[in-house]
């Protein structure tokens, strides 16, 4: 009414003002309505937007990380109380981690209701139901639920299943528990492994399992690392499950046990590690870099405190940093990228040049496996010297060769072929010594033509001696046995394959079976498949040096190997033959 009292021009102005106000009210109402109807999961598309989805794939789909790299993932911890949950929700973390217990656990007031509390707390202002509904409706964060009590697992999984069945859970969910006793810890009791895994399979199999070991780290006395037996026990428990599995491991204890973790990761592509840090653990950035160098980026998550995390990340993402590799590790990621084709790996043969007083190793300017044929100098002496045999060149000791190679830039590994049986143990001793001094920072294969069972041929390395010497002197290598050419005129007969598999049965090292393309082309189709089935760490390397093989048999063998597997079959071929194979594959 007051607008009309101001004269003829005022009604117009007031009408305009009223219109603007109404427009603003409508706009605010639409924003509120859209906000109330906003689905935080609507931006995610595909299989990764499921409870069992890959965490890195999910975060990639949201644009929160730029590549499938566990180092890029950020975490919020202990988001249990309502205040801590709100703090986690308002943070820029990508994954929200919280602990689930039972209200009044093991008291007269026990209710059976899952609550958000870390033992010994048994009461909370937050239930799991409220926590899940809040996190699912207000964020896109991944979920990790940690269980210290078996009683909390069943009802929690029932609740997750109900929410999942109604379409509410469209993001990865990790279910975490320590299910085995670990280093230095005779106090903490792990969650019963058998019952925990059975509950997950029964009630909520659509998840990623996060299963680890109870640990204690209290220097200077209680600092022991994870053991081989601990990791083998875990593999026995989870090897047959269908879920993705991440192993939460205490970062300060991992480097010293790296041979065992390298073995564990090789058992399945479903496996990853999640490195975590105790509040007072003196985690070494140098150790973290070593782990980083020896794993593909999508296989390890890093849940670490500052300032260690920032220091590590700065160095880890530096592409010019000198890297160090485990001698007994696979060729991934050094020479073979994720899903990489084995045909892309080349073998490089060095030349040795000398002037009478010094000798030098020279190589093509390429990446690949460097082939060293090892003989022995002074075989009758008390300390015979392993040497590198190079056609037409002077003798150069193995130690000198490896020290020269250690200075070589680029991506390469060493394939050491024992040409004289007596050189085996001296060569392994040299490897062990250089490794202990930090002068062997690359993957190393130790191979030989072996004599065993149906392919027992005098003059070659005894098969059992190869296995025993590696175990006794320097076990941190890939074993690369081959059959004597004398027994291959009729191809790889069934007994030849069976005896080689028997020889290598039970090895925890990687094995790369060296096969000849020509005899392979004369053999039954399943030879390569049988060799690869020997172990998750087994590979096959095809070469073509068998004198009695026809071109047709060689071609058939190469194509047969190629048809069986692309990432676990390598080709040690002359460059011309490699190019011919590539052309052949292109035509077909």
Protein backbone atom coordinates (compact mmCIF):
# COMPACT_ATOMS: atom_id res chain seq x y z
CA UNK A 1 0.00 0.00 0.00
CA UNK A 2 2.82 2.41 0.91
CA UNK A 3 4.23 2.26 -2.61
CA UNK A 4 1.18 3.97 -4.10
CA UNK A 5 1.50 7.00 -1.87
CA UNK A 6 4.66 8.26 -3.52
CA UNK A 7 3.30 9.51 -6.83
CA UNK A 8 2.80 8.22 -10.34
CA UNK A 9 6.35 6.87 -10.85
CA UNK A 10 6.52 4.93 -7.59
CA UNK A 11 4.05 2.15 -8.47
CA UNK A 12 6.18 1.21 -11.41
CA UNK A 13 9.32 1.07 -9.33
CA UNK A 14 7.66 -0.93 -6.56
CA UNK A 15 6.24 -3.38 -9.07
CA UNK A 16 9.70 -3.89 -10.49
CA UNK A 17 11.13 -4.37 -7.00
CA UNK A 18 8.41 -6.88 -6.15
CA UNK A 19 9.16 -8.77 -9.36
CA UNK A 20 12.86 -8.95 -8.56
CA UNK A 21 12.12 -10.22 -5.06
CA UNK A 22 9.77 -12.88 -6.38
CA UNK A 23 12.39 -13.97 -8.94
CA UNK A 24 15.00 -14.27 -6.19
CA UNK A 25 12.61 -16.28 -4.02
CA UNK A 26 11.87 -18.64 -6.90
CA UNK A 27 15.59 -19.02 -7.69
CA UNK A 28 16.45 -19.79 -4.07
CA UNK A 29 13.60 -22.27 -3.94
CA UNK A 30 14.88 -24.05 -7.04
CA UNK A 31 18.40 -24.24 -5.61
CA UNK A 32 17.06 -25.67 -2.36
CA UNK A 33 14.92 -28.17 -4.24
CA UNK A 34 17.83 -29.24 -6.42
CA UNK A 35 20.07 -29.53 -3.37
CA UNK A 36 17.58 -31.71 -1.55
CA UNK A 37 17.28 -33.91 -4.63
CA UNK A 38 21.05 -33.94 -5.36
CA UNK A 39 22.53 -37.36 -5.73
CA UNK A 40 26.25 -37.24 -4.80
CA UNK A 41 26.84 -40.41 -6.78
CA UNK A 42 25.24 -39.23 -10.03
CA UNK A 43 28.60 -38.18 -11.50
CA UNK A 44 29.96 -41.71 -11.33
CA UNK A 45 29.39 -44.09 -14.22
CA UNK A 46 30.25 -47.72 -14.90
CA UNK A 47 31.38 -50.76 -12.95
CA UNK A 48 33.63 -48.74 -10.63
CA UNK A 49 30.51 -47.17 -9.06
CA UNK A 50 29.74 -50.28 -7.05
CA UNK A 51 30.73 -51.49 -3.58
CA UNK A 52 33.12 -53.97 -5.18
CA UNK A 53 34.44 -51.37 -7.63
CA UNK A 54 38.09 -50.42 -7.97
CA UNK A 55 38.85 -47.46 -5.71
CA UNK A 56 41.27 -45.83 -8.16
CA UNK A 57 38.86 -46.33 -11.05
CA UNK A 58 36.09 -44.73 -9.01
CA UNK A 59 38.17 -41.67 -8.08
CA UNK A 60 39.34 -41.37 -11.68
CA UNK A 61 35.74 -41.37 -12.90
CA UNK A 62 34.99 -38.46 -10.56
CA UNK A 63 38.04 -36.52 -11.73
CA UNK A 64 39.50 -36.52 -8.22
CA UNK A 65 42.78 -38.10 -9.33
CA UNK A 66 44.58 -37.73 -12.65
CA UNK A 67 45.97 -41.26 -13.02
CA UNK A 68 45.54 -44.72 -11.43
CA UNK A 69 48.10 -44.06 -8.71
CA UNK A 70 47.55 -45.00 -5.07
CA UNK A 71 49.85 -42.18 -3.99
CA UNK A 72 47.23 -39.64 -5.11
CA UNK A 73 44.51 -40.94 -2.78
CA UNK A 74 43.88 -39.00 0.46
CA UNK A 75 42.32 -40.34 3.65
CA UNK A 76 40.34 -39.23 6.71
CA UNK A 77 40.85 -41.41 9.80
CA UNK A 78 38.75 -42.22 12.84
CA UNK A 79 35.64 -40.43 11.53
CA UNK A 80 33.57 -42.06 14.29
CA UNK A 81 31.77 -39.46 16.39
CA UNK A 82 29.33 -37.11 14.71
CA UNK A 83 31.81 -34.25 15.07
CA UNK A 84 34.64 -36.29 13.54
CA UNK A 85 32.34 -37.50 10.78
CA UNK A 86 31.39 -33.90 9.95
CA UNK A 87 35.06 -32.95 9.99
CA UNK A 88 35.84 -35.75 7.53
CA UNK A 89 32.91 -34.86 5.29
CA UNK A 90 33.99 -31.22 5.07
CA UNK A 91 37.62 -32.14 4.34
CA UNK A 92 39.12 -32.68 0.90
CA UNK A 93 39.92 -36.33 1.65
CA UNK A 94 38.77 -38.93 -0.87
CA UNK A 95 38.23 -41.92 1.42
CA UNK A 96 36.52 -41.85 4.82
CA UNK A 97 37.78 -44.45 7.31
CA UNK A 98 35.89 -45.28 10.50
CA UNK A 99 35.71 -48.01 13.16
CA UNK A 100 32.67 -50.17 13.87
CA UNK A 101 31.91 -51.72 17.26
CA UNK A 102 28.83 -53.05 19.08
CA UNK A 103 27.06 -50.80 21.56
CA UNK A 104 27.82 -51.98 25.09
CA UNK A 105 29.98 -54.84 23.79
CA UNK A 106 30.43 -57.67 26.32
CA UNK A 107 28.47 -55.87 29.04
CA UNK A 108 24.96 -56.24 30.43
CA UNK A 109 24.00 -53.25 28.24
CA UNK A 110 25.04 -54.86 24.95
CA UNK A 111 22.38 -54.05 22.34
CA UNK A 112 23.70 -55.62 19.16
CA UNK A 113 23.55 -52.23 17.42
CA UNK A 114 26.62 -51.35 15.33
CA UNK A 115 28.09 -48.03 16.45
CA UNK A 116 31.04 -45.94 15.35
CA UNK A 117 33.71 -46.40 18.01
CA UNK A 118 37.29 -47.61 18.26
CA UNK A 119 37.90 -50.13 21.06
CA UNK A 120 38.05 -49.91 23.99
CA UNK A 121 35.16 -47.44 23.48
CA UNK A 122 31.81 -49.25 23.44
CA UNK A 123 29.47 -46.25 23.31
CA UNK A 124 29.12 -43.49 20.73
CA UNK A 125 26.84 -40.66 19.63
CA UNK A 126 26.87 -42.19 16.13
CA UNK A 127 25.40 -45.44 14.86
CA UNK A 128 26.62 -47.16 11.71
CA UNK A 129 23.20 -46.63 10.14
CA UNK A 130 23.30 -42.87 10.69
CA UNK A 131 26.94 -42.74 9.58
CA UNK A 132 26.25 -44.58 6.32
CA UNK A 133 23.11 -42.61 5.49
CA UNK A 134 24.92 -39.33 6.13
CA UNK A 135 28.05 -40.21 4.16
CA UNK A 136 26.09 -41.65 1.25
CA UNK A 137 23.72 -38.68 0.98
CA UNK A 138 26.25 -35.89 1.45
CA UNK A 139 29.49 -36.98 -0.17
CA UNK A 140 31.18 -38.95 -2.92
CA UNK A 141 33.89 -40.32 -0.63
CA UNK A 142 35.00 -43.92 -0.73
CA UNK A 143 34.26 -45.94 2.41
CA UNK A 144 36.54 -48.04 4.62
CA UNK A 145 35.05 -49.71 7.67
CA UNK A 146 37.40 -51.19 10.26
CA UNK A 147 36.33 -54.07 12.53
CA UNK A 148 38.09 -55.09 15.75
CA UNK A 149 35.24 -57.32 16.98
CA UNK A 150 33.65 -60.20 15.11
CA UNK A 151 30.29 -59.43 16.77
CA UNK A 152 30.08 -56.17 14.82
CA UNK A 153 30.67 -57.75 11.43
CA UNK A 154 27.41 -59.62 10.80
CA UNK A 155 24.88 -56.87 11.62
CA UNK A 156 27.04 -54.27 9.85
CA UNK A 157 27.17 -56.31 6.66
CA UNK A 158 23.39 -56.84 6.86
CA UNK A 159 22.91 -53.08 6.95
CA UNK A 160 25.31 -52.56 4.03
CA UNK A 161 23.47 -55.17 2.00
CA UNK A 162 20.11 -53.51 2.64
CA UNK A 163 21.43 -50.14 1.50
CA UNK A 164 23.12 -51.71 -1.51
CA UNK A 165 19.99 -53.62 -2.55
CA UNK A 166 18.06 -50.34 -2.63
CA UNK A 167 20.70 -48.72 -4.86
CA UNK A 168 22.14 -46.42 -2.21
CA UNK A 169 25.75 -47.69 -2.26
CA UNK A 170 27.25 -46.67 -5.58
CA UNK A 171 30.90 -46.38 -4.55
CA UNK A 172 33.71 -48.69 -3.38
CA UNK A 173 33.45 -50.13 0.13
CA UNK A 174 36.41 -51.70 1.91
CA UNK A 175 35.83 -54.05 4.84
CA UNK A 176 38.92 -54.11 7.07
CA UNK A 177 40.10 -56.40 9.87
CA UNK A 178 43.37 -57.75 11.20
CA UNK A 179 42.84 -61.49 10.83
CA UNK A 180 46.32 -62.93 11.52
CA UNK A 181 48.99 -62.35 14.18
CA UNK A 182 51.86 -60.30 12.81
CA UNK A 183 55.31 -58.99 13.76
CA UNK A 184 56.26 -58.65 17.42
CA UNK A 185 52.70 -58.94 18.64
CA UNK A 186 51.67 -61.58 21.13
CA UNK A 187 49.10 -59.30 22.82
CA UNK A 188 46.50 -58.12 20.30
CA UNK A 189 44.06 -60.83 19.29
CA UNK A 190 43.17 -60.85 15.60
CA UNK A 191 39.60 -61.19 14.41
CA UNK A 192 38.85 -64.84 13.70
CA UNK A 193 39.93 -65.20 10.10
CA UNK A 194 37.73 -68.12 9.09
CA UNK A 195 34.53 -66.64 10.54
CA UNK A 196 35.27 -63.13 9.25
CA UNK A 197 35.82 -64.31 5.69
CA UNK A 198 32.79 -66.60 5.85
CA UNK A 199 30.57 -63.71 6.98
CA UNK A 200 31.76 -61.52 4.13
CA UNK A 201 31.09 -64.28 1.57
CA UNK A 202 27.66 -64.98 3.05
CA UNK A 203 26.34 -61.49 3.75
CA UNK A 204 28.22 -58.93 1.65
CA UNK A 205 30.54 -60.37 -1.00
CA UNK A 206 30.27 -57.19 -3.06
CA UNK A 207 33.21 -55.46 -1.39
CA UNK A 208 36.98 -55.15 -1.31
CA UNK A 209 38.59 -57.12 1.49
CA UNK A 210 41.17 -55.20 3.51
CA UNK A 211 42.82 -57.86 5.66
CA UNK A 212 46.03 -57.57 7.63
CA UNK A 213 48.09 -58.62 10.60
CA UNK A 214 48.19 -57.41 14.20
CA UNK A 215 51.53 -55.65 14.76
CA UNK A 216 53.68 -54.03 17.39
CA UNK A 217 56.64 -51.75 16.77
CA UNK A 218 58.63 -50.70 19.84
CA UNK A 219 62.32 -49.98 19.13
CA UNK A 220 64.95 -50.92 19.91
CA UNK A 221 63.77 -54.43 20.79
CA UNK A 222 60.49 -55.08 18.96
CA UNK A 223 61.31 -54.16 15.36
CA UNK A 224 61.13 -57.47 13.51
CA UNK A 225 59.62 -57.40 10.01
CA UNK A 226 56.88 -59.49 8.45
CA UNK A 227 58.00 -63.04 7.74
CA UNK A 228 57.57 -65.31 4.76
CA UNK A 229 55.38 -67.64 6.84
CA UNK A 230 53.04 -64.76 7.77
CA UNK A 231 52.47 -63.88 4.13
CA UNK A 232 52.08 -67.50 3.06
CA UNK A 233 49.44 -67.98 5.78
CA UNK A 234 47.54 -64.96 4.44
CA UNK A 235 47.74 -66.24 0.87
CA UNK A 236 46.34 -69.58 2.03
CA UNK A 237 43.33 -67.74 3.48
CA UNK A 238 42.47 -65.33 0.67
CA UNK A 239 43.93 -66.98 -2.42
CA UNK A 240 40.60 -68.52 -3.37
CA UNK A 241 38.24 -65.60 -2.61
CA UNK A 242 36.72 -63.71 -5.51
CA UNK A 243 37.06 -60.19 -4.11
CA UNK A 244 39.78 -57.65 -4.65
CA UNK A 245 42.09 -57.74 -1.64
CA UNK A 246 44.23 -54.98 -0.19
CA UNK A 247 46.68 -55.82 2.57
CA UNK A 248 47.11 -53.04 5.17
CA UNK A 249 50.76 -53.28 6.21
CA UNK A 250 52.79 -51.24 8.68
CA UNK A 251 55.11 -49.19 6.49
CA UNK A 252 58.07 -49.19 8.87
CA UNK A 253 58.28 -53.00 8.62
CA UNK A 254 57.84 -53.54 4.88
CA UNK A 255 61.22 -52.80 3.28
CA UNK A 256 63.06 -55.49 5.25
CA UNK A 257 60.44 -58.01 4.13
CA UNK A 258 60.20 -56.86 0.52
CA UNK A 259 61.11 -60.25 -1.04
CA UNK A 260 58.04 -61.69 0.67
CA UNK A 261 55.73 -58.85 -0.35
CA UNK A 262 57.01 -59.06 -3.92
CA UNK A 263 56.01 -62.73 -3.84
CA UNK A 264 52.58 -61.94 -2.37
CA UNK A 265 51.71 -59.26 -4.95
CA UNK A 266 52.68 -61.65 -7.74
CA UNK A 267 50.15 -64.22 -6.56
CA UNK A 268 47.18 -62.31 -7.98
CA UNK A 269 46.36 -59.19 -9.95
CA UNK A 270 43.54 -58.66 -7.43
CA UNK A 271 46.03 -57.81 -4.67
CA UNK A 272 47.23 -54.39 -3.53
CA UNK A 273 49.04 -53.04 -0.47
CA UNK A 274 47.92 -50.19 1.78
CA UNK A 275 50.92 -48.81 3.67
CA UNK A 276 49.99 -47.25 7.01
CA UNK A 277 52.04 -45.49 9.63
CA UNK A 278 51.81 -45.71 13.42
CA UNK A 279 51.76 -42.31 15.10
CA UNK A 280 55.36 -42.63 16.31
CA UNK A 281 56.76 -44.93 13.60
CA UNK A 282 59.99 -43.52 12.08
CA UNK A 283 59.09 -44.35 8.49
CA UNK A 284 61.99 -43.80 6.09
CA UNK A 285 61.31 -41.93 2.86
CA UNK A 286 64.12 -43.96 1.31
CA UNK A 287 62.27 -47.17 2.16
CA UNK A 288 59.04 -45.81 0.69
CA UNK A 289 60.81 -44.89 -2.54
CA UNK A 290 62.18 -48.44 -2.81
CA UNK A 291 58.68 -49.87 -2.46
CA UNK A 292 57.41 -47.35 -5.00
CA UNK A 293 60.11 -48.30 -7.52
CA UNK A 294 59.29 -51.99 -7.27
CA UNK A 295 55.53 -51.85 -7.76
CA UNK A 296 53.14 -50.62 -10.38
CA UNK A 297 51.54 -47.37 -9.24
CA UNK A 298 48.04 -48.87 -8.99
CA UNK A 299 49.21 -51.66 -6.64
CA UNK A 300 50.05 -49.58 -3.51
CA UNK A 301 48.11 -47.02 -1.44
CA UNK A 302 49.95 -44.76 1.02
CA UNK A 303 48.09 -43.84 4.21
CA UNK A 304 50.85 -41.82 5.91
CA UNK A 305 51.27 -38.83 8.22
CA UNK A 306 52.87 -35.50 7.47
CA UNK A 307 55.62 -34.49 6.94
CA UNK A 308 56.63 -37.94 5.67
CA UNK A 309 53.85 -38.05 3.08
CA UNK A 310 54.73 -34.71 1.45
CA UNK A 311 58.47 -35.46 1.47
CA UNK A 312 57.86 -38.85 -0.10
CA UNK A 313 55.38 -37.58 -2.68
CA UNK A 314 57.72 -34.82 -3.85
CA UNK A 315 60.52 -37.30 -4.53
CA UNK A 316 58.32 -40.12 -5.83
CA UNK A 317 56.75 -37.95 -8.53
CA UNK A 318 60.14 -36.70 -9.72
CA UNK A 319 60.62 -38.43 -13.08
CA UNK A 320 64.38 -37.82 -13.11
CA UNK A 321 65.03 -39.52 -9.78
CA UNK A 322 67.39 -42.50 -9.85
CA UNK A 323 65.42 -45.63 -9.08
CA UNK A 324 66.41 -48.87 -7.39
CA UNK A 325 64.93 -52.26 -8.11
CA UNK A 326 64.75 -55.56 -6.28
CA UNK A 327 66.96 -58.17 -7.97
CA UNK A 328 64.35 -60.88 -7.52
CA UNK A 329 61.36 -58.85 -8.71
CA UNK A 330 59.36 -59.09 -11.90
CA UNK A 331 60.04 -56.92 -14.93
CA UNK A 332 57.03 -54.76 -14.09
CA UNK A 333 57.10 -51.79 -13.96
CA UNK A 334 60.75 -51.39 -15.03
CA UNK A 335 60.60 -52.96 -18.49
CA UNK A 336 56.94 -53.81 -18.91
CA UNK A 337 54.14 -51.36 -18.29
CA UNK A 338 50.73 -52.36 -16.98
CA UNK A 339 49.23 -54.85 -19.43
CA UNK A 340 52.34 -54.50 -21.56
CA UNK A 341 53.14 -56.87 -24.41
CA UNK A 342 56.09 -59.19 -23.80
CA UNK A 343 57.09 -58.77 -27.43
CA UNK A 344 58.19 -55.24 -26.59
CA UNK A 345 61.05 -56.49 -24.41
CA UNK A 346 64.42 -56.94 -26.15
CA UNK A 347 67.60 -58.80 -25.23
CA UNK A 348 70.84 -56.86 -25.58
CA UNK A 349 74.18 -58.60 -26.17
CA UNK A 350 77.19 -56.64 -24.89
CA UNK A 351 80.54 -56.27 -26.56
CA UNK A 352 83.75 -56.29 -24.52
CA UNK A 353 86.62 -54.11 -25.72
CA UNK A 354 90.11 -53.97 -24.20
CA UNK A 355 93.59 -52.55 -24.76
CA UNK A 356 95.54 -55.20 -22.89
CA UNK A 357 95.27 -53.56 -19.49
CA UNK A 358 91.60 -52.58 -19.19
CA UNK A 359 88.34 -53.89 -20.64
CA UNK A 360 85.01 -52.12 -21.11
CA UNK A 361 81.45 -53.27 -21.73
CA UNK A 362 79.53 -51.53 -24.50
CA UNK A 363 75.87 -52.02 -25.36
CA UNK A 364 73.32 -50.81 -27.89
CA UNK A 365 71.58 -47.62 -26.80
CA UNK A 366 68.34 -49.41 -25.96
CA UNK A 367 66.34 -50.60 -22.97
CA UNK A 368 66.04 -54.33 -22.33
CA UNK A 369 67.56 -57.39 -20.70
CA UNK A 370 71.36 -57.54 -20.92
CA UNK A 371 72.55 -61.08 -21.68
CA UNK A 372 75.79 -62.10 -19.98
CA UNK A 373 77.25 -65.53 -20.75
CA UNK A 374 79.26 -66.59 -17.71
CA UNK A 375 82.34 -68.77 -17.74
CA UNK A 376 85.13 -69.36 -15.25
CA UNK A 377 88.74 -68.20 -15.20
CA UNK A 378 91.24 -70.22 -13.19
CA UNK A 379 88.89 -73.13 -12.62
CA UNK A 380 91.67 -75.11 -10.90
CA UNK A 381 92.55 -72.28 -8.54
CA UNK A 382 91.31 -71.97 -4.98
CA UNK A 383 89.24 -68.87 -5.83
CA UNK A 384 88.16 -69.19 -9.48
CA UNK A 385 86.90 -65.98 -11.05
CA UNK A 386 83.55 -65.81 -12.94
CA UNK A 387 83.99 -63.95 -16.20
CA UNK A 388 81.77 -62.62 -18.98
CA UNK A 389 82.28 -64.38 -22.28
CA UNK A 390 81.95 -62.08 -25.26
CA UNK A 391 82.57 -63.23 -28.87
CA UNK A 392 85.96 -62.03 -30.06
CA UNK A 393 86.59 -59.90 -27.00
CA UNK A 394 88.90 -60.10 -24.00
CA UNK A 395 87.82 -61.70 -20.73
CA UNK A 396 86.15 -59.37 -18.24
CA UNK A 397 85.28 -60.39 -14.71
CA UNK A 398 81.61 -60.61 -13.83
CA UNK A 399 82.12 -58.18 -10.96
CA UNK A 400 83.73 -55.58 -13.20
CA UNK A 401 80.98 -56.01 -15.78
CA UNK A 402 78.20 -55.53 -13.24
CA UNK A 403 79.88 -52.51 -11.67
CA UNK A 404 80.17 -50.90 -15.09
CA UNK A 405 76.54 -51.71 -15.87
CA UNK A 406 75.39 -50.22 -12.55
CA UNK A 407 76.45 -46.81 -13.91
CA UNK A 408 74.39 -47.25 -17.08
CA UNK A 409 71.25 -45.09 -17.28
CA UNK A 410 67.99 -46.26 -18.75
CA UNK A 411 65.76 -49.24 -18.12
CA UNK A 412 67.46 -52.60 -18.10
CA UNK A 413 67.87 -55.87 -16.26
CA UNK A 414 70.50 -58.62 -16.29
CA UNK A 415 70.06 -62.12 -17.70
CA UNK A 416 73.04 -64.12 -16.52
CA UNK A 417 73.41 -67.40 -18.43
CA UNK A 418 75.76 -69.92 -16.78
CA UNK A 419 77.73 -71.37 -19.69
CA UNK A 420 80.07 -73.48 -17.50
CA UNK A 421 78.59 -75.55 -14.63
CA UNK A 422 81.53 -74.75 -12.35
CA UNK A 423 80.80 -71.02 -12.67
CA UNK A 424 77.38 -71.26 -11.01
CA UNK A 425 78.24 -70.80 -7.34
CA UNK A 426 81.09 -68.30 -7.87
CA UNK A 427 78.75 -66.19 -10.01
CA UNK A 428 75.99 -66.29 -7.38
CA UNK A 429 78.55 -65.34 -4.72
CA UNK A 430 79.49 -62.30 -6.77
CA UNK A 431 75.82 -61.33 -7.05
CA UNK A 432 75.31 -61.68 -3.31
CA UNK A 433 78.33 -59.53 -2.51
CA UNK A 434 77.45 -56.73 -4.92
CA UNK A 435 73.83 -56.74 -3.79
CA UNK A 436 74.85 -56.37 -0.14
CA UNK A 437 76.93 -53.32 -1.14
CA UNK A 438 74.05 -51.73 -3.05
CA UNK A 439 75.69 -52.21 -6.46
CA UNK A 440 73.00 -54.42 -7.98
CA UNK A 441 69.93 -52.20 -8.36
CA UNK A 442 68.21 -54.12 -11.19
CA UNK A 443 66.24 -57.34 -11.75
CA UNK A 444 68.54 -60.32 -12.28
CA UNK A 445 67.81 -63.61 -14.01
CA UNK A 446 70.07 -66.59 -13.48
CA UNK A 447 69.70 -69.22 -16.16
CA UNK A 448 71.40 -72.33 -17.45
CA UNK A 449 70.82 -75.29 -19.70
CA UNK A 450 70.06 -77.94 -17.11
CA UNK A 451 70.34 -81.71 -16.94
CA UNK A 452 67.54 -83.49 -15.11
CA UNK A 453 65.28 -86.55 -15.40
CA UNK A 454 64.32 -87.29 -19.00
CA UNK A 455 66.65 -84.54 -20.22
CA UNK A 456 69.75 -85.65 -18.27
CA UNK A 457 72.66 -84.82 -20.56
CA UNK A 458 76.32 -84.74 -19.39
CA UNK A 459 78.15 -81.42 -19.54
CA UNK A 460 75.25 -79.22 -18.44
CA UNK A 461 74.38 -77.74 -15.06
CA UNK A 462 72.67 -80.28 -12.85
CA UNK A 463 69.07 -79.13 -12.42
CA UNK A 464 68.95 -79.79 -8.70
CA UNK A 465 72.24 -77.97 -8.23
CA UNK A 466 70.84 -74.87 -9.96
CA UNK A 467 67.86 -74.78 -7.59
CA UNK A 468 69.96 -75.58 -4.50
CA UNK A 469 72.75 -73.12 -5.29
CA UNK A 470 70.29 -70.27 -5.82
CA UNK A 471 68.57 -71.07 -2.51
CA UNK A 472 71.88 -71.35 -0.64
CA UNK A 473 73.91 -68.49 -2.08
CA UNK A 474 71.64 -65.77 -3.48
CA UNK A 475 67.91 -66.52 -3.64
CA UNK A 476 66.85 -63.05 -4.81
CA UNK A 477 66.79 -63.77 -8.55
CA UNK A 478 64.52 -65.08 -11.28
CA UNK A 479 65.43 -68.65 -12.21
CA UNK A 480 65.64 -69.19 -15.98
CA UNK A 481 66.19 -72.90 -16.86
CA UNK A 482 66.30 -74.35 -20.35
CA UNK A 483 66.37 -77.86 -21.83
CA UNK A 484 69.46 -79.25 -23.62
CA UNK A 485 69.13 -78.88 -27.36
CA UNK A 486 70.16 -82.53 -27.74
CA UNK A 487 66.75 -83.71 -26.47
CA UNK A 488 64.57 -81.36 -28.53
CA UNK A 489 64.70 -82.88 -32.01
CA UNK A 490 61.18 -84.25 -31.53
CA UNK A 491 59.86 -81.18 -29.77
CA UNK A 492 58.86 -80.73 -26.15
CA UNK A 493 57.58 -84.19 -25.36
CA UNK A 494 55.23 -84.53 -22.42
CA UNK A 495 57.84 -86.11 -20.15
CA UNK A 496 60.31 -83.30 -20.83
CA UNK A 497 57.75 -80.74 -19.69
CA UNK A 498 56.64 -82.83 -16.71
CA UNK A 499 60.21 -83.28 -15.44
CA UNK A 500 60.98 -79.56 -15.77
CA UNK A 501 57.82 -78.67 -13.85
CA UNK A 502 58.75 -81.20 -11.18
CA UNK A 503 62.22 -79.66 -10.89
CA UNK A 504 60.81 -76.16 -10.35
CA UNK A 505 57.86 -77.16 -8.20
CA UNK A 506 57.58 -75.16 -4.98
CA UNK A 507 60.02 -72.39 -5.95
CA UNK A 508 59.06 -69.05 -4.43
CA UNK A 509 61.29 -67.21 -6.90
CA UNK A 510 59.94 -66.13 -10.29
CA UNK A 511 60.73 -68.66 -13.03
CA UNK A 512 61.09 -67.94 -16.74
CA UNK A 513 61.22 -71.15 -18.77
CA UNK A 514 63.52 -70.78 -21.78
CA UNK A 515 62.06 -72.56 -24.82
CA UNK A 516 63.18 -72.90 -28.43
CA UNK A 517 60.69 -71.77 -31.09
CA UNK A 518 61.47 -74.56 -33.57
CA UNK A 519 60.90 -77.52 -31.21
CA UNK A 520 57.91 -75.67 -29.76
CA UNK A 521 56.39 -75.60 -33.26
CA UNK A 522 56.67 -79.40 -33.35
CA UNK A 523 55.01 -79.84 -29.95
CA UNK A 524 51.49 -80.20 -28.63
CA UNK A 525 49.59 -76.96 -28.31
CA UNK A 526 49.38 -76.93 -24.52
CA UNK A 527 53.13 -76.76 -23.75
CA UNK A 528 53.24 -73.02 -23.05
CA UNK A 529 49.99 -73.17 -21.10
CA UNK A 530 51.36 -75.91 -18.84
CA UNK A 531 54.52 -73.94 -18.15
CA UNK A 532 52.64 -70.75 -17.33
CA UNK A 533 50.29 -72.66 -15.03
CA UNK A 534 53.24 -73.77 -12.88
CA UNK A 535 53.08 -70.58 -10.82
CA UNK A 536 51.54 -67.09 -10.88
CA UNK A 537 55.16 -65.88 -11.19
CA UNK A 538 56.00 -68.11 -14.16
CA UNK A 539 56.82 -66.68 -17.58
CA UNK A 540 58.10 -68.19 -20.82
CA UNK A 541 60.95 -66.80 -22.92
CA UNK A 542 61.02 -67.99 -26.53
CA UNK A 543 64.28 -67.98 -28.44
CA UNK A 544 65.33 -69.26 -31.84
CA UNK A 545 68.78 -70.81 -31.86
CA UNK A 546 68.02 -74.51 -32.37
CA UNK A 547 70.14 -75.54 -35.35
CA UNK A 548 67.88 -78.31 -36.64
CA UNK A 549 64.65 -76.31 -36.85
CA UNK A 550 62.98 -75.40 -40.13
CA UNK A 551 61.68 -71.87 -40.73
CA UNK A 552 58.14 -73.26 -40.77
CA UNK A 553 58.57 -74.88 -37.35
CA UNK A 554 60.10 -71.70 -35.92
CA UNK A 555 57.19 -69.62 -37.21
CA UNK A 556 54.66 -72.13 -35.84
CA UNK A 557 56.35 -72.06 -32.43
CA UNK A 558 56.42 -68.27 -32.25
CA UNK A 559 52.77 -67.99 -33.21
CA UNK A 560 51.75 -70.74 -30.78
CA UNK A 561 53.46 -68.91 -27.91
CA UNK A 562 51.92 -65.65 -29.02
CA UNK A 563 48.44 -67.16 -29.09
CA UNK A 564 48.73 -68.41 -25.51
CA UNK A 565 49.57 -65.19 -23.64
CA UNK A 566 50.84 -61.74 -24.52
CA UNK A 567 52.05 -60.34 -21.22
CA UNK A 568 53.77 -63.44 -19.76
CA UNK A 569 55.65 -64.58 -22.88
CA UNK A 570 58.92 -62.87 -23.89
CA UNK A 571 60.91 -63.23 -27.10
CA UNK A 572 64.70 -63.42 -27.12
CA UNK A 573 65.18 -63.08 -30.87
CA UNK A 574 67.64 -61.52 -33.28
CA UNK A 575 66.41 -58.13 -34.46
CA UNK A 576 65.63 -59.34 -38.00
CA UNK A 577 63.56 -62.23 -36.68
CA UNK A 578 61.76 -59.92 -34.27
CA UNK A 579 60.82 -57.61 -37.12
CA UNK A 580 59.65 -60.56 -39.21
CA UNK A 581 57.43 -61.71 -36.36
CA UNK A 582 55.96 -58.24 -35.96
CA UNK A 583 55.26 -58.09 -39.69
CA UNK A 584 53.72 -61.56 -39.59
CA UNK A 585 51.47 -60.57 -36.72
CA UNK A 586 50.48 -57.41 -38.57
CA UNK A 587 49.41 -59.40 -41.61
CA UNK A 588 47.36 -61.78 -39.48
